[in-house]
């Protein structure tokens, strides 16, 4: 996982949750963050808009960690 990708993901989540970025950890899952299905759609849209990578909301499972999500984004950016 590239640190820049993780940092960008955290920035997206921090804006959505109106929470300081330092409250997020790579090991946190979407379930830990109480992210509902509607918010998953919003995260998916913002990843595409801000990072230029398509990640469907159906891929953002509640058990997915932020580190895993950043790795998924990284993998899509290299394709």
PDB file of N, CA and C in Angstrom:
ATOM      1  N   UNK A   1       0.843  -1.178   0.000  1.00  0.00           N
ATOM      2  CA  UNK A   1       0.000   0.000   0.000  1.00  0.00           C
ATOM      3  C   UNK A   1       0.885   1.237   0.000  1.00  0.00           C
ATOM      4  N   UNK A   2       0.594   2.124  -0.917  1.00  0.00           N
ATOM      5  CA  UNK A   2       1.316   3.398  -0.943  1.00  0.00           C
ATOM      6  C   UNK A   2       0.714   4.336   0.104  1.00  0.00           C
ATOM      7  N   UNK A   3       1.578   4.992   0.832  1.00  0.00           N
ATOM      8  CA  UNK A   3       1.118   5.904   1.886  1.00  0.00           C
ATOM      9  C   UNK A   3       0.250   7.015   1.320  1.00  0.00           C
ATOM     10  N   UNK A   4       0.588   7.506   0.142  1.00  0.00           N
ATOM     11  CA  UNK A   4      -0.186   8.591  -0.457  1.00  0.00           C
ATOM     12  C   UNK A   4      -1.622   8.162  -0.729  1.00  0.00           C
ATOM     13  N   UNK A   5      -1.801   6.939  -1.204  1.00  0.00           N
ATOM     14  CA  UNK A   5      -3.156   6.438  -1.474  1.00  0.00           C
ATOM     15  C   UNK A   5      -3.945   6.316  -0.183  1.00  0.00           C
ATOM     16  N   UNK A   6      -3.314   5.748   0.841  1.00  0.00           N
ATOM     17  CA  UNK A   6      -3.976   5.612   2.141  1.00  0.00           C
ATOM     18  C   UNK A   6      -4.362   6.993   2.675  1.00  0.00           C
ATOM     19  N   UNK A   7      -3.451   7.937   2.595  1.00  0.00           N
ATOM     20  CA  UNK A   7      -3.730   9.293   3.089  1.00  0.00           C
ATOM     21  C   UNK A   7      -4.893   9.933   2.341  1.00  0.00           C
ATOM     22  N   UNK A   8      -4.964   9.720   1.028  1.00  0.00           N
ATOM     23  CA  UNK A   8      -6.071  10.269   0.248  1.00  0.00           C
ATOM     24  C   UNK A   8      -7.394   9.612   0.636  1.00  0.00           C
ATOM     25  N   UNK A   9      -7.369   8.310   0.870  1.00  0.00           N
ATOM     26  CA  UNK A   9      -8.574   7.604   1.308  1.00  0.00           C
ATOM     27  C   UNK A   9      -9.037   8.135   2.658  1.00  0.00           C
ATOM     28  N   UNK A  10      -8.115   8.295   3.578  1.00  0.00           N
ATOM     29  CA  UNK A  10      -8.459   8.821   4.907  1.00  0.00           C
ATOM     30  C   UNK A  10      -9.023  10.229   4.794  1.00  0.00           C
ATOM     31  N   UNK A  11      -8.474  11.026   3.913  1.00  0.00           N
ATOM     32  CA  UNK A  11      -8.991  12.381   3.712  1.00  0.00           C
ATOM     33  C   UNK A  11     -10.451  12.344   3.242  1.00  0.00           C
ATOM     34  N   UNK A  12     -10.748  11.434   2.325  1.00  0.00           N
ATOM     35  CA  UNK A  12     -12.125  11.267   1.846  1.00  0.00           C
ATOM     36  C   UNK A  12     -13.034  10.896   3.021  1.00  0.00           C
ATOM     37  N   UNK A  13     -12.615   9.918   3.810  1.00  0.00           N
ATOM     38  CA  UNK A  13     -13.432   9.463   4.939  1.00  0.00           C
ATOM     39  C   UNK A  13     -13.564  10.533   6.012  1.00  0.00           C
ATOM     40  N   UNK A  14     -12.499  11.256   6.262  1.00  0.00           N
ATOM     41  CA  UNK A  14     -12.540  12.308   7.278  1.00  0.00           C
ATOM     42  C   UNK A  14     -13.546  13.392   6.897  1.00  0.00           C
ATOM     43  N   UNK A  15     -13.578  13.731   5.601  1.00  0.00           N
ATOM     44  CA  UNK A  15     -14.556  14.734   5.146  1.00  0.00           C
ATOM     45  C   UNK A  15     -15.982  14.210   5.266  1.00  0.00           C
ATOM     46  N   UNK A  16     -16.170  12.929   4.896  1.00  0.00           N
ATOM     47  CA  UNK A  16     -17.517  12.354   4.963  1.00  0.00           C
ATOM     48  C   UNK A  16     -18.027  12.242   6.395  1.00  0.00           C
ATOM     49  N   UNK A  17     -17.138  11.879   7.305  1.00  0.00           N
ATOM     50  CA  UNK A  17     -17.523  11.673   8.703  1.00  0.00           C
ATOM     51  C   UNK A  17     -17.347  12.926   9.553  1.00  0.00           C
ATOM     52  N   UNK A  18     -16.775  13.983   8.960  1.00  0.00           N
ATOM     53  CA  UNK A  18     -16.464  15.199   9.707  1.00  0.00           C
ATOM     54  C   UNK A  18     -15.687  14.845  10.975  1.00  0.00           C
ATOM     55  N   UNK A  19     -14.621  14.052  10.747  1.00  0.00           N
ATOM     56  CA  UNK A  19     -13.788  13.527  11.823  1.00  0.00           C
ATOM     57  C   UNK A  19     -12.325  13.810  11.485  1.00  0.00           C
ATOM     58  N   UNK A  20     -11.505  14.130  12.487  1.00  0.00           N
ATOM     59  CA  UNK A  20     -10.076  14.343  12.201  1.00  0.00           C
ATOM     60  C   UNK A  20      -9.436  13.084  11.595  1.00  0.00           C
ATOM     61  N   UNK A  21      -8.557  13.291  10.638  1.00  0.00           N
ATOM     62  CA  UNK A  21      -7.920  12.176   9.930  1.00  0.00           C
ATOM     63  C   UNK A  21      -7.122  11.269  10.864  1.00  0.00           C
ATOM     64  N   UNK A  22      -6.593  11.820  11.949  1.00  0.00           N
ATOM     65  CA  UNK A  22      -5.778  10.999  12.843  1.00  0.00           C
ATOM     66  C   UNK A  22      -6.599   9.992  13.658  1.00  0.00           C
ATOM     67  N   UNK A  23      -7.901  10.025  13.530  1.00  0.00           N
ATOM     68  CA  UNK A  23      -8.766   9.064  14.210  1.00  0.00           C
ATOM     69  C   UNK A  23      -8.892   7.743  13.441  1.00  0.00           C
ATOM     70  N   UNK A  24      -8.414   7.717  12.207  1.00  0.00           N
ATOM     71  CA  UNK A  24      -8.506   6.526  11.365  1.00  0.00           C
ATOM     72  C   UNK A  24      -7.202   5.744  11.444  1.00  0.00           C
ATOM     73  N   UNK A  25      -7.316   4.414  11.353  1.00  0.00           N
ATOM     74  CA  UNK A  25      -6.135   3.558  11.346  1.00  0.00           C
ATOM     75  C   UNK A  25      -6.220   2.602  10.155  1.00  0.00           C
ATOM     76  N   UNK A  26      -5.084   2.130   9.668  1.00  0.00           N
ATOM     77  CA  UNK A  26      -5.103   1.194   8.540  1.00  0.00           C
ATOM     78  C   UNK A  26      -5.880  -0.087   8.838  1.00  0.00           C
ATOM     79  N   UNK A  27      -5.930  -0.498  10.108  1.00  0.00           N
ATOM     80  CA  UNK A  27      -6.593  -1.742  10.493  1.00  0.00           C
ATOM     81  C   UNK A  27      -8.112  -1.592  10.662  1.00  0.00           C
ATOM     82  N   UNK A  28      -8.597  -0.367  10.684  1.00  0.00           N
ATOM     83  CA  UNK A  28     -10.035  -0.130  10.864  1.00  0.00           C
ATOM     84  C   UNK A  28     -10.808  -0.649   9.656  1.00  0.00           C
ATOM     85  N   UNK A  29     -11.932  -1.303   9.926  1.00  0.00           N
ATOM     86  CA  UNK A  29     -12.806  -1.771   8.854  1.00  0.00           C
ATOM     87  C   UNK A  29     -13.942  -0.761   8.678  1.00  0.00           C
ATOM     88  N   UNK A  30     -14.647  -0.902   7.564  1.00  0.00           N
ATOM     89  CA  UNK A  30     -15.806  -0.035   7.364  1.00  0.00           C
ATOM     90  C   UNK A  30     -16.858  -0.299   8.440  1.00  0.00           C
ATOM     91  N   UNK A  31     -16.957  -1.546   8.903  1.00  0.00           N
ATOM     92  CA  UNK A  31     -17.886  -1.864   9.994  1.00  0.00           C
ATOM     93  C   UNK A  31     -17.469  -1.139  11.270  1.00  0.00           C
ATOM     94  N   UNK A  32     -16.159  -1.115  11.555  1.00  0.00           N
ATOM     95  CA  UNK A  32     -15.660  -0.397  12.736  1.00  0.00           C
ATOM     96  C   UNK A  32     -16.042   1.081  12.688  1.00  0.00           C
ATOM     97  N   UNK A  33     -16.084   1.613  11.476  1.00  0.00           N
ATOM     98  CA  UNK A  33     -16.381   3.035  11.284  1.00  0.00           C
ATOM     99  C   UNK A  33     -17.876   3.310  11.140  1.00  0.00           C
ATOM    100  N   UNK A  34     -18.689   2.258  11.298  1.00  0.00           N
ATOM    101  CA  UNK A  34     -20.148   2.378  11.173  1.00  0.00           C
ATOM    102  C   UNK A  34     -20.575   2.950   9.822  1.00  0.00           C
ATOM    103  N   UNK A  35     -19.907   2.500   8.757  1.00  0.00           N
ATOM    104  CA  UNK A  35     -20.236   2.960   7.407  1.00  0.00           C
ATOM    105  C   UNK A  35     -21.403   2.136   6.880  1.00  0.00           C
ATOM    106  N   UNK A  36     -22.490   2.803   6.525  1.00  0.00           N
ATOM    107  CA  UNK A  36     -23.662   2.107   5.992  1.00  0.00           C
ATOM    108  C   UNK A  36     -23.572   2.013   4.475  1.00  0.00           C
ATOM    109  N   UNK A  37     -24.539   1.333   3.867  1.00  0.00           N
ATOM    110  CA  UNK A  37     -24.493   1.085   2.422  1.00  0.00           C
ATOM    111  C   UNK A  37     -24.583   2.374   1.609  1.00  0.00           C
ATOM    112  N   UNK A  38     -25.319   3.336   2.063  1.00  0.00           N
ATOM    113  CA  UNK A  38     -25.416   4.614   1.349  1.00  0.00           C
ATOM    114  C   UNK A  38     -24.078   5.351   1.375  1.00  0.00           C
ATOM    115  N   UNK A  39     -23.406   5.303   2.504  1.00  0.00           N
ATOM    116  CA  UNK A  39     -22.090   5.934   2.610  1.00  0.00           C
ATOM    117  C   UNK A  39     -21.069   5.196   1.749  1.00  0.00           C
ATOM    118  N   UNK A  40     -21.218   3.867   1.613  1.00  0.00           N
ATOM    119  CA  UNK A  40     -20.323   3.094   0.733  1.00  0.00           C
ATOM    120  C   UNK A  40     -20.423   3.615  -0.702  1.00  0.00           C
ATOM    121  N   UNK A  41     -21.641   3.924  -1.130  1.00  0.00           N
ATOM    122  CA  UNK A  41     -21.842   4.475  -2.476  1.00  0.00           C
ATOM    123  C   UNK A  41     -21.123   5.817  -2.581  1.00  0.00           C
ATOM    124  N   UNK A  42     -21.262   6.659  -1.590  1.00  0.00           N
ATOM    125  CA  UNK A  42     -20.613   7.970  -1.589  1.00  0.00           C
ATOM    126  C   UNK A  42     -19.092   7.824  -1.608  1.00  0.00           C
ATOM    127  N   UNK A  43     -18.559   6.883  -0.834  1.00  0.00           N
ATOM    128  CA  UNK A  43     -17.111   6.643  -0.826  1.00  0.00           C
ATOM    129  C   UNK A  43     -16.650   6.211  -2.212  1.00  0.00           C
ATOM    130  N   UNK A  44     -17.396   5.311  -2.825  1.00  0.00           N
ATOM    131  CA  UNK A  44     -17.071   4.832  -4.168  1.00  0.00           C
ATOM    132  C   UNK A  44     -17.027   5.986  -5.169  1.00  0.00           C
ATOM    133  N   UNK A  45     -18.013   6.856  -5.098  1.00  0.00           N
ATOM    134  CA  UNK A  45     -18.080   8.016  -5.996  1.00  0.00           C
ATOM    135  C   UNK A  45     -16.893   8.946  -5.765  1.00  0.00           C
ATOM    136  N   UNK A  46     -16.563   9.184  -4.516  1.00  0.00           N
ATOM    137  CA  UNK A  46     -15.457  10.101  -4.206  1.00  0.00           C
ATOM    138  C   UNK A  46     -14.102   9.512  -4.585  1.00  0.00           C
ATOM    139  N   UNK A  47     -13.951   8.192  -4.447  1.00  0.00           N
ATOM    140  CA  UNK A  47     -12.699   7.557  -4.882  1.00  0.00           C
ATOM    141  C   UNK A  47     -12.529   7.768  -6.379  1.00  0.00           C
ATOM    142  N   UNK A  48     -13.608   7.568  -7.118  1.00  0.00           N
ATOM    143  CA  UNK A  48     -13.516   7.750  -8.563  1.00  0.00           C
ATOM    144  C   UNK A  48     -13.246   9.211  -8.923  1.00  0.00           C
ATOM    145  N   UNK A  49     -13.952  10.107  -8.279  1.00  0.00           N
ATOM    146  CA  UNK A  49     -13.796  11.531  -8.587  1.00  0.00           C
ATOM    147  C   UNK A  49     -12.427  12.059  -8.152  1.00  0.00           C
ATOM    148  N   UNK A  50     -12.014  11.741  -6.946  1.00  0.00           N
ATOM    149  CA  UNK A  50     -10.787  12.315  -6.389  1.00  0.00           C
ATOM    150  C   UNK A  50      -9.518  11.573  -6.810  1.00  0.00           C
ATOM    151  N   UNK A  51      -9.631  10.254  -7.001  1.00  0.00           N
ATOM    152  CA  UNK A  51      -8.437   9.452  -7.285  1.00  0.00           C
ATOM    153  C   UNK A  51      -8.407   8.890  -8.698  1.00  0.00           C
ATOM    154  N   UNK A  52      -9.518   9.030  -9.421  1.00  0.00           N
ATOM    155  CA  UNK A  52      -9.562   8.559 -10.797  1.00  0.00           C
ATOM    156  C   UNK A  52      -9.597   7.048 -10.941  1.00  0.00           C
ATOM    157  N   UNK A  53     -10.079   6.361  -9.916  1.00  0.00           N
ATOM    158  CA  UNK A  53     -10.117   4.900  -9.899  1.00  0.00           C
ATOM    159  C   UNK A  53     -11.546   4.442  -9.636  1.00  0.00           C
ATOM    160  N   UNK A  54     -12.009   3.483 -10.419  1.00  0.00           N
ATOM    161  CA  UNK A  54     -13.344   2.944 -10.204  1.00  0.00           C
ATOM    162  C   UNK A  54     -13.284   1.778  -9.224  1.00  0.00           C
ATOM    163  N   UNK A  55     -13.953   1.953  -8.100  1.00  0.00           N
ATOM    164  CA  UNK A  55     -14.147   0.891  -7.114  1.00  0.00           C
ATOM    165  C   UNK A  55     -15.639   0.885  -6.830  1.00  0.00           C
ATOM    166  N   UNK A  56     -16.316  -0.170  -7.234  1.00  0.00           N
ATOM    167  CA  UNK A  56     -17.757  -0.242  -7.042  1.00  0.00           C
ATOM    168  C   UNK A  56     -18.091  -0.384  -5.563  1.00  0.00           C
ATOM    169  N   UNK A  57     -19.183   0.212  -5.176  1.00  0.00           N
ATOM    170  CA  UNK A  57     -19.577   0.148  -3.765  1.00  0.00           C
ATOM    171  C   UNK A  57     -19.768  -1.289  -3.298  1.00  0.00           C
ATOM    172  N   UNK A  58     -20.115  -2.204  -4.192  1.00  0.00           N
ATOM    173  CA  UNK A  58     -20.284  -3.610  -3.817  1.00  0.00           C
ATOM    174  C   UNK A  58     -18.950  -4.255  -3.418  1.00  0.00           C
ATOM    175  N   UNK A  59     -17.839  -3.660  -3.853  1.00  0.00           N
ATOM    176  CA  UNK A  59     -16.516  -4.166  -3.474  1.00  0.00           C
ATOM    177  C   UNK A  59     -16.096  -3.680  -2.093  1.00  0.00           C
ATOM    178  N   UNK A  60     -16.736  -2.659  -1.602  1.00  0.00           N
ATOM    179  CA  UNK A  60     -16.401  -2.084  -0.307  1.00  0.00           C
ATOM    180  C   UNK A  60     -17.207  -2.788   0.780  1.00  0.00           C
ATOM    181  N   UNK A  61     -16.765  -3.977   1.112  1.00  0.00           N
ATOM    182  CA  UNK A  61     -17.447  -4.787   2.125  1.00  0.00           C
ATOM    183  C   UNK A  61     -17.208  -4.230   3.528  1.00  0.00           C
ATOM    184  N   UNK A  62     -18.127  -4.475   4.452  1.00  0.00           N
ATOM    185  CA  UNK A  62     -17.955  -3.989   5.824  1.00  0.00           C
ATOM    186  C   UNK A  62     -16.676  -4.490   6.497  1.00  0.00           C
ATOM    187  N   UNK A  63     -16.187  -5.669   6.101  1.00  0.00           N
ATOM    188  CA  UNK A  63     -14.998  -6.251   6.731  1.00  0.00           C
ATOM    189  C   UNK A  63     -13.691  -5.785   6.098  1.00  0.00           C
ATOM    190  N   UNK A  64     -13.771  -4.998   5.045  1.00  0.00           N
ATOM    191  CA  UNK A  64     -12.578  -4.501   4.360  1.00  0.00           C
ATOM    192  C   UNK A  64     -11.899  -3.436   5.215  1.00  0.00           C
ATOM    193  N   UNK A  65     -10.597  -3.575   5.419  1.00  0.00           N
ATOM    194  CA  UNK A  65      -9.868  -2.564   6.189  1.00  0.00           C
ATOM    195  C   UNK A  65      -9.512  -1.384   5.287  1.00  0.00           C
ATOM    196  N   UNK A  66      -9.136  -0.297   5.907  1.00  0.00           N
ATOM    197  CA  UNK A  66      -8.711   0.857   5.130  1.00  0.00           C
ATOM    198  C   UNK A  66      -7.420   0.544   4.370  1.00  0.00           C
ATOM    199  N   UNK A  67      -6.530  -0.230   4.968  1.00  0.00           N
ATOM    200  CA  UNK A  67      -5.298  -0.632   4.277  1.00  0.00           C
ATOM    201  C   UNK A  67      -5.629  -1.481   3.056  1.00  0.00           C
ATOM    202  N   UNK A  68      -6.564  -2.429   3.208  1.00  0.00           N
ATOM    203  CA  UNK A  68      -6.974  -3.260   2.074  1.00  0.00           C
ATOM    204  C   UNK A  68      -7.613  -2.423   0.976  1.00  0.00           C
ATOM    205  N   UNK A  69      -8.380  -1.445   1.365  1.00  0.00           N
ATOM    206  CA  UNK A  69      -9.027  -0.561   0.389  1.00  0.00           C
ATOM    207  C   UNK A  69      -7.985   0.244  -0.370  1.00  0.00           C
ATOM    208  N   UNK A  70      -6.983   0.752   0.338  1.00  0.00           N
ATOM    209  CA  UNK A  70      -5.905   1.498  -0.319  1.00  0.00           C
ATOM    210  C   UNK A  70      -5.138   0.591  -1.281  1.00  0.00           C
ATOM    211  N   UNK A  71      -4.927  -0.666  -0.904  1.00  0.00           N
ATOM    212  CA  UNK A  71      -4.253  -1.612  -1.795  1.00  0.00           C
ATOM    213  C   UNK A  71      -5.099  -1.879  -3.046  1.00  0.00           C
ATOM    214  N   UNK A  72      -6.409  -1.990  -2.878  1.00  0.00           N
ATOM    215  CA  UNK A  72      -7.310  -2.178  -4.013  1.00  0.00           C
ATOM    216  C   UNK A  72      -7.214  -0.988  -4.976  1.00  0.00           C
ATOM    217  N   UNK A  73      -7.195   0.209  -4.417  1.00  0.00           N
ATOM    218  CA  UNK A  73      -7.060   1.425  -5.226  1.00  0.00           C
ATOM    219  C   UNK A  73      -5.716   1.417  -5.959  1.00  0.00           C
ATOM    220  N   UNK A  74      -4.639   1.096  -5.234  1.00  0.00           N
ATOM    221  CA  UNK A  74      -3.313   1.030  -5.843  1.00  0.00           C
ATOM    222  C   UNK A  74      -3.284   0.050  -7.017  1.00  0.00           C
ATOM    223  N   UNK A  75      -3.897  -1.102  -6.838  1.00  0.00           N
ATOM    224  CA  UNK A  75      -3.915  -2.133  -7.893  1.00  0.00           C
ATOM    225  C   UNK A  75      -4.648  -1.623  -9.134  1.00  0.00           C
ATOM    226  N   UNK A  76      -5.708  -0.868  -8.921  1.00  0.00           N
ATOM    227  CA  UNK A  76      -6.467  -0.320 -10.056  1.00  0.00           C
ATOM    228  C   UNK A  76      -5.700   0.796 -10.746  1.00  0.00           C
ATOM    229  N   UNK A  77      -4.895   1.526 -10.020  1.00  0.00           N
ATOM    230  CA  UNK A  77      -4.147   2.627 -10.613  1.00  0.00           C
ATOM    231  C   UNK A  77      -3.017   2.121 -11.510  1.00  0.00           C
ATOM    232  N   UNK A  78      -2.509   0.931 -11.252  1.00  0.00           N
ATOM    233  CA  UNK A  78      -1.400   0.405 -12.044  1.00  0.00           C
ATOM    234  C   UNK A  78      -1.863  -0.343 -13.274  1.00  0.00           C
ATOM    235  N   UNK A  79      -3.182  -0.591 -13.378  1.00  0.00           N
ATOM    236  CA  UNK A  79      -3.715  -1.345 -14.520  1.00  0.00           C
ATOM    237  C   UNK A  79      -3.885  -0.421 -15.709  1.00  0.00           C
TER     238      UNK A  79
END
